[in-house]
Structure formats: C-alpha cells, structure tokens
PDB file of N, CA and C in Angstrom:
ATOM      1  N   UNK A   1     -29.893  12.077 -13.735  1.00  0.00           N
ATOM      2  CA  UNK A   1     -29.602  12.793 -14.949  1.00  0.00           C
ATOM      3  C   UNK A   1     -30.601  12.402 -16.036  1.00  0.00           C
ATOM      4  N   UNK A   2     -30.906  11.127 -16.099  1.00  0.00           N
ATOM      5  CA  UNK A   2     -31.867  10.663 -17.092  1.00  0.00           C
ATOM      6  C   UNK A   2     -33.243  11.269 -16.831  1.00  0.00           C
ATOM      7  N   UNK A   3     -33.611  11.351 -15.561  1.00  0.00           N
ATOM      8  CA  UNK A   3     -34.908  11.913 -15.197  1.00  0.00           C
ATOM      9  C   UNK A   3     -35.019  13.368 -15.643  1.00  0.00           C
ATOM     10  N   UNK A   4     -33.974  14.158 -15.398  1.00  0.00           N
ATOM     11  CA  UNK A   4     -33.966  15.560 -15.813  1.00  0.00           C
ATOM     12  C   UNK A   4     -34.055  15.654 -17.335  1.00  0.00           C
ATOM     13  N   UNK A   5     -33.319  14.801 -18.022  1.00  0.00           N
ATOM     14  CA  UNK A   5     -33.343  14.804 -19.480  1.00  0.00           C
ATOM     15  C   UNK A   5     -34.738  14.458 -20.002  1.00  0.00           C
ATOM     16  N   UNK A   6     -35.374  13.480 -19.400  1.00  0.00           N
ATOM     17  CA  UNK A   6     -36.729  13.115 -19.837  1.00  0.00           C
ATOM     18  C   UNK A   6     -37.718  14.251 -19.614  1.00  0.00           C
ATOM     19  N   UNK A   7     -37.630  14.895 -18.465  1.00  0.00           N
ATOM     20  CA  UNK A   7     -38.539  15.999 -18.169  1.00  0.00           C
ATOM     21  C   UNK A   7     -38.317  17.151 -19.150  1.00  0.00           C
ATOM     22  N   UNK A   8     -37.059  17.519 -19.365  1.00  0.00           N
ATOM     23  CA  UNK A   8     -36.765  18.647 -20.251  1.00  0.00           C
ATOM     24  C   UNK A   8     -37.171  18.345 -21.695  1.00  0.00           C
ATOM     25  N   UNK A   9     -36.902  17.127 -22.139  1.00  0.00           N
ATOM     26  CA  UNK A   9     -37.290  16.765 -23.501  1.00  0.00           C
ATOM     27  C   UNK A   9     -38.806  16.722 -23.651  1.00  0.00           C
ATOM     28  N   UNK A  10     -39.478  16.253 -22.627  1.00  0.00           N
ATOM     29  CA  UNK A  10     -40.943  16.178 -22.688  1.00  0.00           C
ATOM     30  C   UNK A  10     -41.551  17.572 -22.753  1.00  0.00           C
ATOM     31  N   UNK A  11     -41.053  18.488 -21.917  1.00  0.00           N
ATOM     32  CA  UNK A  11     -41.601  19.843 -21.928  1.00  0.00           C
ATOM     33  C   UNK A  11     -41.317  20.551 -23.254  1.00  0.00           C
ATOM     34  N   UNK A  12     -40.117  20.342 -23.807  1.00  0.00           N
ATOM     35  CA  UNK A  12     -39.796  20.931 -25.112  1.00  0.00           C
ATOM     36  C   UNK A  12     -40.666  20.362 -26.220  1.00  0.00           C
ATOM     37  N   UNK A  13     -40.886  19.057 -26.195  1.00  0.00           N
ATOM     38  CA  UNK A  13     -41.729  18.431 -27.214  1.00  0.00           C
ATOM     39  C   UNK A  13     -43.167  18.926 -27.106  1.00  0.00           C
ATOM     40  N   UNK A  14     -43.656  19.079 -25.884  1.00  0.00           N
ATOM     41  CA  UNK A  14     -45.010  19.604 -25.711  1.00  0.00           C
ATOM     42  C   UNK A  14     -45.124  21.039 -26.216  1.00  0.00           C
ATOM     43  N   UNK A  15     -44.097  21.830 -25.989  1.00  0.00           N
ATOM     44  CA  UNK A  15     -44.123  23.210 -26.454  1.00  0.00           C
ATOM     45  C   UNK A  15     -44.163  23.262 -27.979  1.00  0.00           C
ATOM     46  N   UNK A  16     -43.396  22.405 -28.620  1.00  0.00           N
ATOM     47  CA  UNK A  16     -43.406  22.385 -30.088  1.00  0.00           C
ATOM     48  C   UNK A  16     -44.689  21.767 -30.635  1.00  0.00           C
ATOM     49  N   UNK A  17     -45.216  20.760 -29.962  1.00  0.00           N
ATOM     50  CA  UNK A  17     -46.391  20.060 -30.473  1.00  0.00           C
ATOM     51  C   UNK A  17     -47.676  20.863 -30.292  1.00  0.00           C
ATOM     52  N   UNK A  18     -47.734  21.709 -29.276  1.00  0.00           N
ATOM     53  CA  UNK A  18     -48.972  22.434 -29.012  1.00  0.00           C
ATOM     54  C   UNK A  18     -49.047  23.764 -29.743  1.00  0.00           C
ATOM     55  N   UNK A  19     -47.966  24.164 -30.415  1.00  0.00           N
ATOM     56  CA  UNK A  19     -47.993  25.418 -31.163  1.00  0.00           C
ATOM     57  C   UNK A  19     -48.750  25.199 -32.477  1.00  0.00           C
ATOM     58  N   UNK A  20     -49.720  26.049 -32.778  1.00  0.00           N
ATOM     59  CA  UNK A  20     -50.471  25.841 -34.014  1.00  0.00           C
ATOM     60  C   UNK A  20     -49.587  26.085 -35.242  1.00  0.00           C
ATOM     61  N   UNK A  21     -49.770  25.292 -36.304  1.00  0.00           N
ATOM     62  CA  UNK A  21     -48.957  25.475 -37.502  1.00  0.00           C
ATOM     63  C   UNK A  21     -49.335  26.766 -38.228  1.00  0.00           C
ATOM     64  N   UNK A  22     -48.364  27.331 -38.877  1.00  0.00           N
ATOM     65  CA  UNK A  22     -48.586  28.563 -39.621  1.00  0.00           C
ATOM     66  C   UNK A  22     -48.577  28.258 -41.115  1.00  0.00           C
ATOM     67  N   UNK A  23     -49.498  28.833 -41.840  1.00  0.00           N
ATOM     68  CA  UNK A  23     -49.573  28.607 -43.286  1.00  0.00           C
ATOM     69  C   UNK A  23     -48.421  29.293 -44.015  1.00  0.00           C
ATOM     70  N   UNK A  24     -47.837  30.319 -43.418  1.00  0.00           N
ATOM     71  CA  UNK A  24     -46.733  31.039 -44.058  1.00  0.00           C
ATOM     72  C   UNK A  24     -45.481  30.179 -44.199  1.00  0.00           C
ATOM     73  N   UNK A  25     -45.322  29.211 -43.323  1.00  0.00           N
ATOM     74  CA  UNK A  25     -44.134  28.351 -43.388  1.00  0.00           C
ATOM     75  C   UNK A  25     -44.130  27.542 -44.677  1.00  0.00           C
ATOM     76  N   UNK A  26     -45.282  27.066 -45.083  1.00  0.00           N
ATOM     77  CA  UNK A  26     -45.352  26.273 -46.305  1.00  0.00           C
ATOM     78  C   UNK A  26     -45.220  27.122 -47.570  1.00  0.00           C
ATOM     79  N   UNK A  27     -45.480  28.416 -47.498  1.00  0.00           N
ATOM     80  CA  UNK A  27     -45.412  29.291 -48.664  1.00  0.00           C
ATOM     81  C   UNK A  27     -44.009  29.835 -48.936  1.00  0.00           C
ATOM     82  N   UNK A  28     -43.163  29.893 -47.948  1.00  0.00           N
ATOM     83  CA  UNK A  28     -41.841  30.482 -48.164  1.00  0.00           C
ATOM     84  C   UNK A  28     -40.903  29.479 -48.828  1.00  0.00           C
ATOM     85  N   UNK A  29     -39.874  29.995 -49.493  1.00  0.00           N
ATOM     86  CA  UNK A  29     -38.876  29.158 -50.145  1.00  0.00           C
ATOM     87  C   UNK A  29     -37.927  28.578 -49.097  1.00  0.00           C
ATOM     88  N   UNK A  30     -37.399  27.391 -49.358  1.00  0.00           N
ATOM     89  CA  UNK A  30     -36.442  26.829 -48.398  1.00  0.00           C
ATOM     90  C   UNK A  30     -35.132  27.620 -48.397  1.00  0.00           C
ATOM     91  N   UNK A  31     -34.412  27.510 -47.322  1.00  0.00           N
ATOM     92  CA  UNK A  31     -33.126  28.182 -47.216  1.00  0.00           C
ATOM     93  C   UNK A  31     -32.094  27.447 -48.067  1.00  0.00           C
ATOM     94  N   UNK A  32     -31.126  28.177 -48.575  1.00  0.00           N
ATOM     95  CA  UNK A  32     -30.058  27.569 -49.370  1.00  0.00           C
ATOM     96  C   UNK A  32     -29.068  26.852 -48.453  1.00  0.00           C
ATOM     97  N   UNK A  33     -28.281  25.932 -49.041  1.00  0.00           N
ATOM     98  CA  UNK A  33     -27.316  25.163 -48.254  1.00  0.00           C
ATOM     99  C   UNK A  33     -26.214  26.040 -47.677  1.00  0.00           C
ATOM    100  N   UNK A  34     -25.835  27.074 -48.391  1.00  0.00           N
ATOM    101  CA  UNK A  34     -24.720  27.902 -47.951  1.00  0.00           C
ATOM    102  C   UNK A  34     -25.134  29.014 -46.979  1.00  0.00           C
ATOM    103  N   UNK A  35     -26.413  29.143 -46.680  1.00  0.00           N
ATOM    104  CA  UNK A  35     -26.852  30.162 -45.715  1.00  0.00           C
ATOM    105  C   UNK A  35     -26.341  29.831 -44.315  1.00  0.00           C
ATOM    106  N   UNK A  36     -26.027  30.862 -43.579  1.00  0.00           N
ATOM    107  CA  UNK A  36     -25.539  30.677 -42.215  1.00  0.00           C
ATOM    108  C   UNK A  36     -26.679  30.239 -41.291  1.00  0.00           C
ATOM    109  N   UNK A  37     -26.331  29.398 -40.340  1.00  0.00           N
ATOM    110  CA  UNK A  37     -27.324  28.963 -39.360  1.00  0.00           C
ATOM    111  C   UNK A  37     -27.636  30.106 -38.403  1.00  0.00           C
ATOM    112  N   UNK A  38     -26.599  30.822 -37.997  1.00  0.00           N
ATOM    113  CA  UNK A  38     -26.779  31.963 -37.106  1.00  0.00           C
ATOM    114  C   UNK A  38     -26.773  33.224 -37.967  1.00  0.00           C
ATOM    115  N   UNK A  39     -27.881  33.909 -37.962  1.00  0.00           N
ATOM    116  CA  UNK A  39     -28.041  35.105 -38.794  1.00  0.00           C
ATOM    117  C   UNK A  39     -27.388  36.313 -38.116  1.00  0.00           C
ATOM    118  N   UNK A  40     -27.169  37.401 -38.856  1.00  0.00           N
ATOM    119  CA  UNK A  40     -26.606  38.605 -38.233  1.00  0.00           C
ATOM    120  C   UNK A  40     -27.453  39.146 -37.074  1.00  0.00           C
ATOM    121  N   UNK A  41     -28.766  39.005 -37.174  1.00  0.00           N
ATOM    122  CA  UNK A  41     -29.631  39.449 -36.070  1.00  0.00           C
ATOM    123  C   UNK A  41     -29.374  38.603 -34.821  1.00  0.00           C
ATOM    124  N   UNK A  42     -29.177  37.294 -35.024  1.00  0.00           N
ATOM    125  CA  UNK A  42     -28.879  36.429 -33.884  1.00  0.00           C
ATOM    126  C   UNK A  42     -27.542  36.811 -33.255  1.00  0.00           C
ATOM    127  N   UNK A  43     -26.528  37.081 -34.083  1.00  0.00           N
ATOM    128  CA  UNK A  43     -25.227  37.502 -33.549  1.00  0.00           C
ATOM    129  C   UNK A  43     -25.370  38.793 -32.751  1.00  0.00           C
ATOM    130  N   UNK A  44     -26.127  39.731 -33.279  1.00  0.00           N
ATOM    131  CA  UNK A  44     -26.336  40.994 -32.575  1.00  0.00           C
ATOM    132  C   UNK A  44     -26.980  40.755 -31.218  1.00  0.00           C
ATOM    133  N   UNK A  45     -27.987  39.887 -31.187  1.00  0.00           N
ATOM    134  CA  UNK A  45     -28.670  39.604 -29.921  1.00  0.00           C
ATOM    135  C   UNK A  45     -27.759  38.883 -28.932  1.00  0.00           C
ATOM    136  N   UNK A  46     -26.988  37.918 -29.393  1.00  0.00           N
ATOM    137  CA  UNK A  46     -26.092  37.177 -28.507  1.00  0.00           C
ATOM    138  C   UNK A  46     -25.033  38.107 -27.926  1.00  0.00           C
ATOM    139  N   UNK A  47     -24.392  38.906 -28.780  1.00  0.00           N
ATOM    140  CA  UNK A  47     -23.349  39.820 -28.308  1.00  0.00           C
ATOM    141  C   UNK A  47     -23.948  40.898 -27.406  1.00  0.00           C
ATOM    142  N   UNK A  48     -25.099  41.426 -27.775  1.00  0.00           N
ATOM    143  CA  UNK A  48     -25.757  42.446 -26.954  1.00  0.00           C
ATOM    144  C   UNK A  48     -26.116  41.934 -25.574  1.00  0.00           C
ATOM    145  N   UNK A  49     -26.679  40.734 -25.512  1.00  0.00           N
ATOM    146  CA  UNK A  49     -27.040  40.171 -24.210  1.00  0.00           C
ATOM    147  C   UNK A  49     -25.803  39.798 -23.406  1.00  0.00           C
ATOM    148  N   UNK A  50     -24.752  39.351 -24.073  1.00  0.00           N
ATOM    149  CA  UNK A  50     -23.505  39.060 -23.365  1.00  0.00           C
ATOM    150  C   UNK A  50     -22.922  40.302 -22.719  1.00  0.00           C
ATOM    151  N   UNK A  51     -22.889  41.400 -23.462  1.00  0.00           N
ATOM    152  CA  UNK A  51     -22.368  42.661 -22.917  1.00  0.00           C
ATOM    153  C   UNK A  51     -23.251  43.138 -21.767  1.00  0.00           C
ATOM    154  N   UNK A  52     -24.555  43.054 -21.952  1.00  0.00           N
ATOM    155  CA  UNK A  52     -25.487  43.451 -20.899  1.00  0.00           C
ATOM    156  C   UNK A  52     -25.258  42.644 -19.620  1.00  0.00           C
ATOM    157  N   UNK A  53     -25.123  41.322 -19.750  1.00  0.00           N
ATOM    158  CA  UNK A  53     -24.932  40.475 -18.573  1.00  0.00           C
ATOM    159  C   UNK A  53     -23.591  40.738 -17.904  1.00  0.00           C
ATOM    160  N   UNK A  54     -22.537  40.995 -18.687  1.00  0.00           N
ATOM    161  CA  UNK A  54     -21.240  41.318 -18.102  1.00  0.00           C
ATOM    162  C   UNK A  54     -21.328  42.607 -17.290  1.00  0.00           C
ATOM    163  N   UNK A  55     -22.015  43.591 -17.826  1.00  0.00           N
ATOM    164  CA  UNK A  55     -22.155  44.865 -17.105  1.00  0.00           C
ATOM    165  C   UNK A  55     -22.938  44.675 -15.808  1.00  0.00           C
ATOM    166  N   UNK A  56     -24.054  43.971 -15.868  1.00  0.00           N
ATOM    167  CA  UNK A  56     -24.881  43.775 -14.668  1.00  0.00           C
ATOM    168  C   UNK A  56     -24.134  42.962 -13.623  1.00  0.00           C
ATOM    169  N   UNK A  57     -23.478  41.883 -14.037  1.00  0.00           N
ATOM    170  CA  UNK A  57     -22.745  41.060 -13.079  1.00  0.00           C
ATOM    171  C   UNK A  57     -21.572  41.845 -12.493  1.00  0.00           C
ATOM    172  N   UNK A  58     -20.895  42.636 -13.321  1.00  0.00           N
ATOM    173  CA  UNK A  58     -19.811  43.477 -12.811  1.00  0.00           C
ATOM    174  C   UNK A  58     -20.305  44.463 -11.771  1.00  0.00           C
ATOM    175  N   UNK A  59     -21.465  45.062 -12.007  1.00  0.00           N
ATOM    176  CA  UNK A  59     -22.038  45.987 -11.021  1.00  0.00           C
ATOM    177  C   UNK A  59     -22.327  45.273  -9.703  1.00  0.00           C
ATOM    178  N   UNK A  60     -22.897  44.072  -9.787  1.00  0.00           N
ATOM    179  CA  UNK A  60     -23.206  43.336  -8.569  1.00  0.00           C
ATOM    180  C   UNK A  60     -21.943  42.912  -7.833  1.00  0.00           C
ATOM    181  N   UNK A  61     -20.906  42.534  -8.574  1.00  0.00           N
ATOM    182  CA  UNK A  61     -19.678  42.075  -7.920  1.00  0.00           C
ATOM    183  C   UNK A  61     -18.942  43.230  -7.253  1.00  0.00           C
ATOM    184  N   UNK A  62     -18.799  44.358  -7.961  1.00  0.00           N
ATOM    185  CA  UNK A  62     -17.954  45.427  -7.452  1.00  0.00           C
ATOM    186  C   UNK A  62     -18.704  46.480  -6.634  1.00  0.00           C
ATOM    187  N   UNK A  63     -19.975  46.710  -6.910  1.00  0.00           N
ATOM    188  CA  UNK A  63     -20.727  47.705  -6.155  1.00  0.00           C
ATOM    189  C   UNK A  63     -21.764  47.085  -5.236  1.00  0.00           C
ATOM    190  N   UNK A  64     -22.010  45.786  -5.367  1.00  0.00           N
ATOM    191  CA  UNK A  64     -23.011  45.117  -4.549  1.00  0.00           C
ATOM    192  C   UNK A  64     -22.675  45.063  -3.073  1.00  0.00           C
ATOM    193  N   UNK A  65     -21.442  44.628  -2.699  1.00  0.00           N
ATOM    194  CA  UNK A  65     -21.121  44.577  -1.274  1.00  0.00           C
ATOM    195  C   UNK A  65     -21.146  45.975  -0.654  1.00  0.00           C
ATOM    196  N   UNK A  66     -21.831  46.085   0.449  1.00  0.00           N
ATOM    197  CA  UNK A  66     -22.014  47.378   1.100  1.00  0.00           C
ATOM    198  C   UNK A  66     -23.327  48.017   0.696  1.00  0.00           C
ATOM    199  N   UNK A  67     -23.855  47.634  -0.433  1.00  0.00           N
ATOM    200  CA  UNK A  67     -25.123  48.166  -0.911  1.00  0.00           C
ATOM    201  C   UNK A  67     -26.205  47.097  -0.784  1.00  0.00           C
ATOM    202  N   UNK A  68     -25.902  45.883  -1.264  1.00  0.00           N
ATOM    203  CA  UNK A  68     -26.859  44.788  -1.184  1.00  0.00           C
ATOM    204  C   UNK A  68     -26.608  43.866   0.001  1.00  0.00           C
ATOM    205  N   UNK A  69     -25.352  43.787   0.438  1.00  0.00           N
ATOM    206  CA  UNK A  69     -24.989  42.911   1.544  1.00  0.00           C
ATOM    207  C   UNK A  69     -23.798  43.510   2.275  1.00  0.00           C
ATOM    208  N   UNK A  70     -23.330  42.807   3.311  1.00  0.00           N
ATOM    209  CA  UNK A  70     -22.170  43.287   4.054  1.00  0.00           C
ATOM    210  C   UNK A  70     -20.923  43.203   3.180  1.00  0.00           C
ATOM    211  N   UNK A  71     -19.961  44.029   3.470  1.00  0.00           N
ATOM    212  CA  UNK A  71     -18.690  43.972   2.756  1.00  0.00           C
ATOM    213  C   UNK A  71     -17.881  42.850   3.391  1.00  0.00           C
ATOM    214  N   UNK A  72     -17.865  41.688   2.735  1.00  0.00           N
ATOM    215  CA  UNK A  72     -17.295  40.514   3.369  1.00  0.00           C
ATOM    216  C   UNK A  72     -15.778  40.557   3.463  1.00  0.00           C
ATOM    217  N   UNK A  73     -15.072  41.266   2.587  1.00  0.00           N
ATOM    218  CA  UNK A  73     -13.614  41.265   2.681  1.00  0.00           C
ATOM    219  C   UNK A  73     -13.118  42.090   3.860  1.00  0.00           C
ATOM    220  N   UNK A  74     -13.876  43.080   4.318  1.00  0.00           N
ATOM    221  CA  UNK A  74     -13.449  43.785   5.532  1.00  0.00           C
ATOM    222  C   UNK A  74     -13.829  42.989   6.773  1.00  0.00           C
ATOM    223  N   UNK A  75     -14.922  42.261   6.695  1.00  0.00           N
ATOM    224  CA  UNK A  75     -15.315  41.421   7.830  1.00  0.00           C
ATOM    225  C   UNK A  75     -14.306  40.303   8.046  1.00  0.00           C
ATOM    226  N   UNK A  76     -13.751  39.757   6.971  1.00  0.00           N
ATOM    227  CA  UNK A  76     -12.803  38.650   7.098  1.00  0.00           C
ATOM    228  C   UNK A  76     -11.465  39.117   7.647  1.00  0.00           C
ATOM    229  N   UNK A  77     -11.164  40.395   7.556  1.00  0.00           N
ATOM    230  CA  UNK A  77      -9.880  40.875   8.068  1.00  0.00           C
ATOM    231  C   UNK A  77      -9.940  41.222   9.548  1.00  0.00           C
ATOM    232  N   UNK A  78     -11.125  41.175  10.134  1.00  0.00           N
ATOM    233  CA  UNK A  78     -11.249  41.462  11.569  1.00  0.00           C
ATOM    234  C   UNK A  78     -10.806  40.261  12.392  1.00  0.00           C
ATOM    235  N   UNK A  79     -10.233  40.534  13.535  1.00  0.00           N
ATOM    236  CA  UNK A  79      -9.778  39.463  14.418  1.00  0.00           C
ATOM    237  C   UNK A  79     -10.833  39.192  15.475  1.00  0.00           C
ATOM    238  N   UNK A  80     -11.050  37.921  15.746  1.00  0.00           N
ATOM    239  CA  UNK A  80     -11.925  37.555  16.864  1.00  0.00           C
ATOM    240  C   UNK A  80     -11.239  36.469  17.669  1.00  0.00           C
ATOM    241  N   UNK A  81     -11.630  36.322  18.913  1.00  0.00           N
ATOM    242  CA  UNK A  81     -10.975  35.358  19.798  1.00  0.00           C
ATOM    243  C   UNK A  81     -11.157  33.921  19.324  1.00  0.00           C
ATOM    244  N   UNK A  82     -12.347  33.606  18.807  1.00  0.00           N
ATOM    245  CA  UNK A  82     -12.568  32.233  18.350  1.00  0.00           C
ATOM    246  C   UNK A  82     -12.093  32.010  16.916  1.00  0.00           C
ATOM    247  N   UNK A  83     -11.746  33.074  16.205  1.00  0.00           N
ATOM    248  CA  UNK A  83     -11.228  32.938  14.847  1.00  0.00           C
ATOM    249  C   UNK A  83     -12.271  32.532  13.827  1.00  0.00           C
ATOM    250  N   UNK A  84     -13.540  32.730  14.136  1.00  0.00           N
ATOM    251  CA  UNK A  84     -14.609  32.250  13.265  1.00  0.00           C
ATOM    252  C   UNK A  84     -15.345  33.366  12.526  1.00  0.00           C
ATOM    253  N   UNK A  85     -14.758  34.534  12.421  1.00  0.00           N
ATOM    254  CA  UNK A  85     -15.438  35.653  11.776  1.00  0.00           C
ATOM    255  C   UNK A  85     -15.639  35.369  10.291  1.00  0.00           C
ATOM    256  N   UNK A  86     -14.606  34.885   9.637  1.00  0.00           N
ATOM    257  CA  UNK A  86     -14.658  34.707   8.189  1.00  0.00           C
ATOM    258  C   UNK A  86     -15.361  33.414   7.780  1.00  0.00           C
ATOM    259  N   UNK A  87     -15.576  32.493   8.699  1.00  0.00           N
ATOM    260  CA  UNK A  87     -16.179  31.218   8.342  1.00  0.00           C
ATOM    261  C   UNK A  87     -17.564  31.378   7.735  1.00  0.00           C
ATOM    262  N   UNK A  88     -18.300  32.381   8.185  1.00  0.00           N
ATOM    263  CA  UNK A  88     -19.652  32.539   7.644  1.00  0.00           C
ATOM    264  C   UNK A  88     -19.638  33.069   6.216  1.00  0.00           C
ATOM    265  N   UNK A  89     -18.520  33.645   5.776  1.00  0.00           N
ATOM    266  CA  UNK A  89     -18.444  34.181   4.425  1.00  0.00           C
ATOM    267  C   UNK A  89     -17.804  33.204   3.451  1.00  0.00           C
ATOM    268  N   UNK A  90     -16.704  32.588   3.849  1.00  0.00           N
ATOM    269  CA  UNK A  90     -16.024  31.667   2.953  1.00  0.00           C
ATOM    270  C   UNK A  90     -15.207  30.682   3.777  1.00  0.00           C
ATOM    271  N   UNK A  91     -15.819  29.599   4.225  1.00  0.00           N
ATOM    272  CA  UNK A  91     -15.108  28.672   5.099  1.00  0.00           C
ATOM    273  C   UNK A  91     -13.939  27.976   4.417  1.00  0.00           C
ATOM    274  N   UNK A  92     -14.026  27.682   3.123  1.00  0.00           N
ATOM    275  CA  UNK A  92     -12.924  27.007   2.437  1.00  0.00           C
ATOM    276  C   UNK A  92     -11.701  27.909   2.396  1.00  0.00           C
ATOM    277  N   UNK A  93     -11.903  29.146   2.044  1.00  0.00           N
ATOM    278  CA  UNK A  93     -10.800  30.102   1.977  1.00  0.00           C
ATOM    279  C   UNK A  93     -10.157  30.249   3.353  1.00  0.00           C
ATOM    280  N   UNK A  94     -10.974  30.362   4.358  1.00  0.00           N
ATOM    281  CA  UNK A  94     -10.475  30.538   5.723  1.00  0.00           C
ATOM    282  C   UNK A  94      -9.695  29.314   6.182  1.00  0.00           C
ATOM    283  N   UNK A  95     -10.219  28.141   5.932  1.00  0.00           N
ATOM    284  CA  UNK A  95      -9.589  26.922   6.421  1.00  0.00           C
ATOM    285  C   UNK A  95      -8.267  26.656   5.704  1.00  0.00           C
ATOM    286  N   UNK A  96      -8.239  26.819   4.405  1.00  0.00           N
ATOM    287  CA  UNK A  96      -7.038  26.505   3.640  1.00  0.00           C
ATOM    288  C   UNK A  96      -5.922  27.502   3.914  1.00  0.00           C
ATOM    289  N   UNK A  97      -6.229  28.790   3.946  1.00  0.00           N
ATOM    290  CA  UNK A  97      -5.186  29.797   4.058  1.00  0.00           C
ATOM    291  C   UNK A  97      -4.809  30.149   5.493  1.00  0.00           C
ATOM    292  N   UNK A  98      -5.749  30.051   6.417  1.00  0.00           N
ATOM    293  CA  UNK A  98      -5.482  30.565   7.757  1.00  0.00           C
ATOM    294  C   UNK A  98      -5.435  29.504   8.840  1.00  0.00           C
ATOM    295  N   UNK A  99      -5.823  28.297   8.540  1.00  0.00           N
ATOM    296  CA  UNK A  99      -5.830  27.262   9.573  1.00  0.00           C
ATOM    297  C   UNK A  99      -4.547  26.441   9.482  1.00  0.00           C
ATOM    298  N   UNK A 100      -3.408  27.106   9.669  1.00  0.00           N
ATOM    299  CA  UNK A 100      -2.131  26.404   9.742  1.00  0.00           C
ATOM    300  C   UNK A 100      -1.305  27.044  10.850  1.00  0.00           C
ATOM    301  N   UNK A 101      -0.207  26.405  11.204  1.00  0.00           N
ATOM    302  CA  UNK A 101       0.569  26.852  12.369  1.00  0.00           C
ATOM    303  C   UNK A 101       1.150  28.250  12.185  1.00  0.00           C
ATOM    304  N   UNK A 102       1.652  28.552  11.011  1.00  0.00           N
ATOM    305  CA  UNK A 102       2.265  29.862  10.775  1.00  0.00           C
ATOM    306  C   UNK A 102       1.220  30.973  10.897  1.00  0.00           C
ATOM    307  N   UNK A 103       0.080  30.778  10.283  1.00  0.00           N
ATOM    308  CA  UNK A 103      -0.961  31.802  10.349  1.00  0.00           C
ATOM    309  C   UNK A 103      -1.495  31.968  11.762  1.00  0.00           C
ATOM    310  N   UNK A 104      -1.709  30.862  12.452  1.00  0.00           N
ATOM    311  CA  UNK A 104      -2.228  30.951  13.816  1.00  0.00           C
ATOM    312  C   UNK A 104      -1.247  31.671  14.735  1.00  0.00           C
ATOM    313  N   UNK A 105       0.050  31.399  14.554  1.00  0.00           N
ATOM    314  CA  UNK A 105       1.049  32.091  15.367  1.00  0.00           C
ATOM    315  C   UNK A 105       1.045  33.592  15.058  1.00  0.00           C
ATOM    316  N   UNK A 106       0.940  33.941  13.771  1.00  0.00           N
ATOM    317  CA  UNK A 106       0.883  35.347  13.375  1.00  0.00           C
ATOM    318  C   UNK A 106      -0.297  36.051  14.037  1.00  0.00           C
ATOM    319  N   UNK A 107      -1.476  35.444  13.989  1.00  0.00           N
ATOM    320  CA  UNK A 107      -2.671  36.072  14.543  1.00  0.00           C
ATOM    321  C   UNK A 107      -2.600  36.138  16.077  1.00  0.00           C
ATOM    322  N   UNK A 108      -1.988  35.137  16.697  1.00  0.00           N
ATOM    323  CA  UNK A 108      -1.825  35.200  18.151  1.00  0.00           C
ATOM    324  C   UNK A 108      -0.920  36.355  18.548  1.00  0.00           C
ATOM    325  N   UNK A 109       0.171  36.549  17.810  1.00  0.00           N
ATOM    326  CA  UNK A 109       1.064  37.682  18.077  1.00  0.00           C
ATOM    327  C   UNK A 109       0.367  39.002  17.809  1.00  0.00           C
ATOM    328  N   UNK A 110      -0.431  39.055  16.765  1.00  0.00           N
ATOM    329  CA  UNK A 110      -1.159  40.287  16.421  1.00  0.00           C
ATOM    330  C   UNK A 110      -2.166  40.615  17.515  1.00  0.00           C
ATOM    331  N   UNK A 111      -2.818  39.601  18.070  1.00  0.00           N
ATOM    332  CA  UNK A 111      -3.799  39.832  19.121  1.00  0.00           C
ATOM    333  C   UNK A 111      -3.144  40.323  20.398  1.00  0.00           C
ATOM    334  N   UNK A 112      -1.928  39.861  20.658  1.00  0.00           N
ATOM    335  CA  UNK A 112      -1.220  40.285  21.863  1.00  0.00           C
ATOM    336  C   UNK A 112      -0.792  41.746  21.767  1.00  0.00           C
ATOM    337  N   UNK A 113      -0.481  42.203  20.551  1.00  0.00           N
ATOM    338  CA  UNK A 113      -0.035  43.584  20.384  1.00  0.00           C
ATOM    339  C   UNK A 113      -1.180  44.582  20.402  1.00  0.00           C
ATOM    340  N   UNK A 114      -2.380  44.117  20.164  1.00  0.00           N
ATOM    341  CA  UNK A 114      -3.545  45.029  20.116  1.00  0.00           C
ATOM    342  C   UNK A 114      -4.096  45.306  21.447  1.00  0.00           C
TER     343      UNK A 114
END
C-alpha cells in the first residue's frame, strides 16, 4: 500500500511540477472565503458524467448478455450430468445455493423425469 501511495504521489507531484507557470494566475484576485469549493460548472459535470455512466453501465448489464457475451442466466439453468454448467459463470453462487442435499435431490429427481 505504501509503495502504491509513493508511486501515485510521485507521479502527481511530477505532473504539477513540470507544468509551466501562468502569468494570469498572479494577476487575478484571490477567491473570497465564502466562495464554494465546487462551482456550478463542476456540479454540472459531476452529475452529467454520473448519469452518463449509469446509462452506459445499465446498457451493458441488461442488453450486454446475448450481444457481447453468452446469456449466463439461461446457461446456469441447464442441467448437466456433472452439475458443472454454472461453475464457469459464478462458482460461489452455484456452490452456496445448489451444493446441498435438498438441491441435489431436487436435481436428481428432475433429471430422472426428463
């Protein structure tokens, strides 16, 4: 953790140190004490990017399977003899919910009826 912190701080310091100074900074008046740290333009950008990211992530979550990758929830509902179909998609979910005596008995009965 310390190593990552040192690297990140070093790169940030280099970025600030290598930027040439601007003469306009010395000519402008200082900000007042009561001025907001986050300006209305910053709020607009933060909210705009948040909405944009929610929309893009929502598209990937709900329309991505079947378009970008296999539809994993239909693959997990398929039965196989070794019971390992869903392991490649979500092994924790499969192990916790389906690797118990009640579930195994249910799937064995379901396989016999098919």
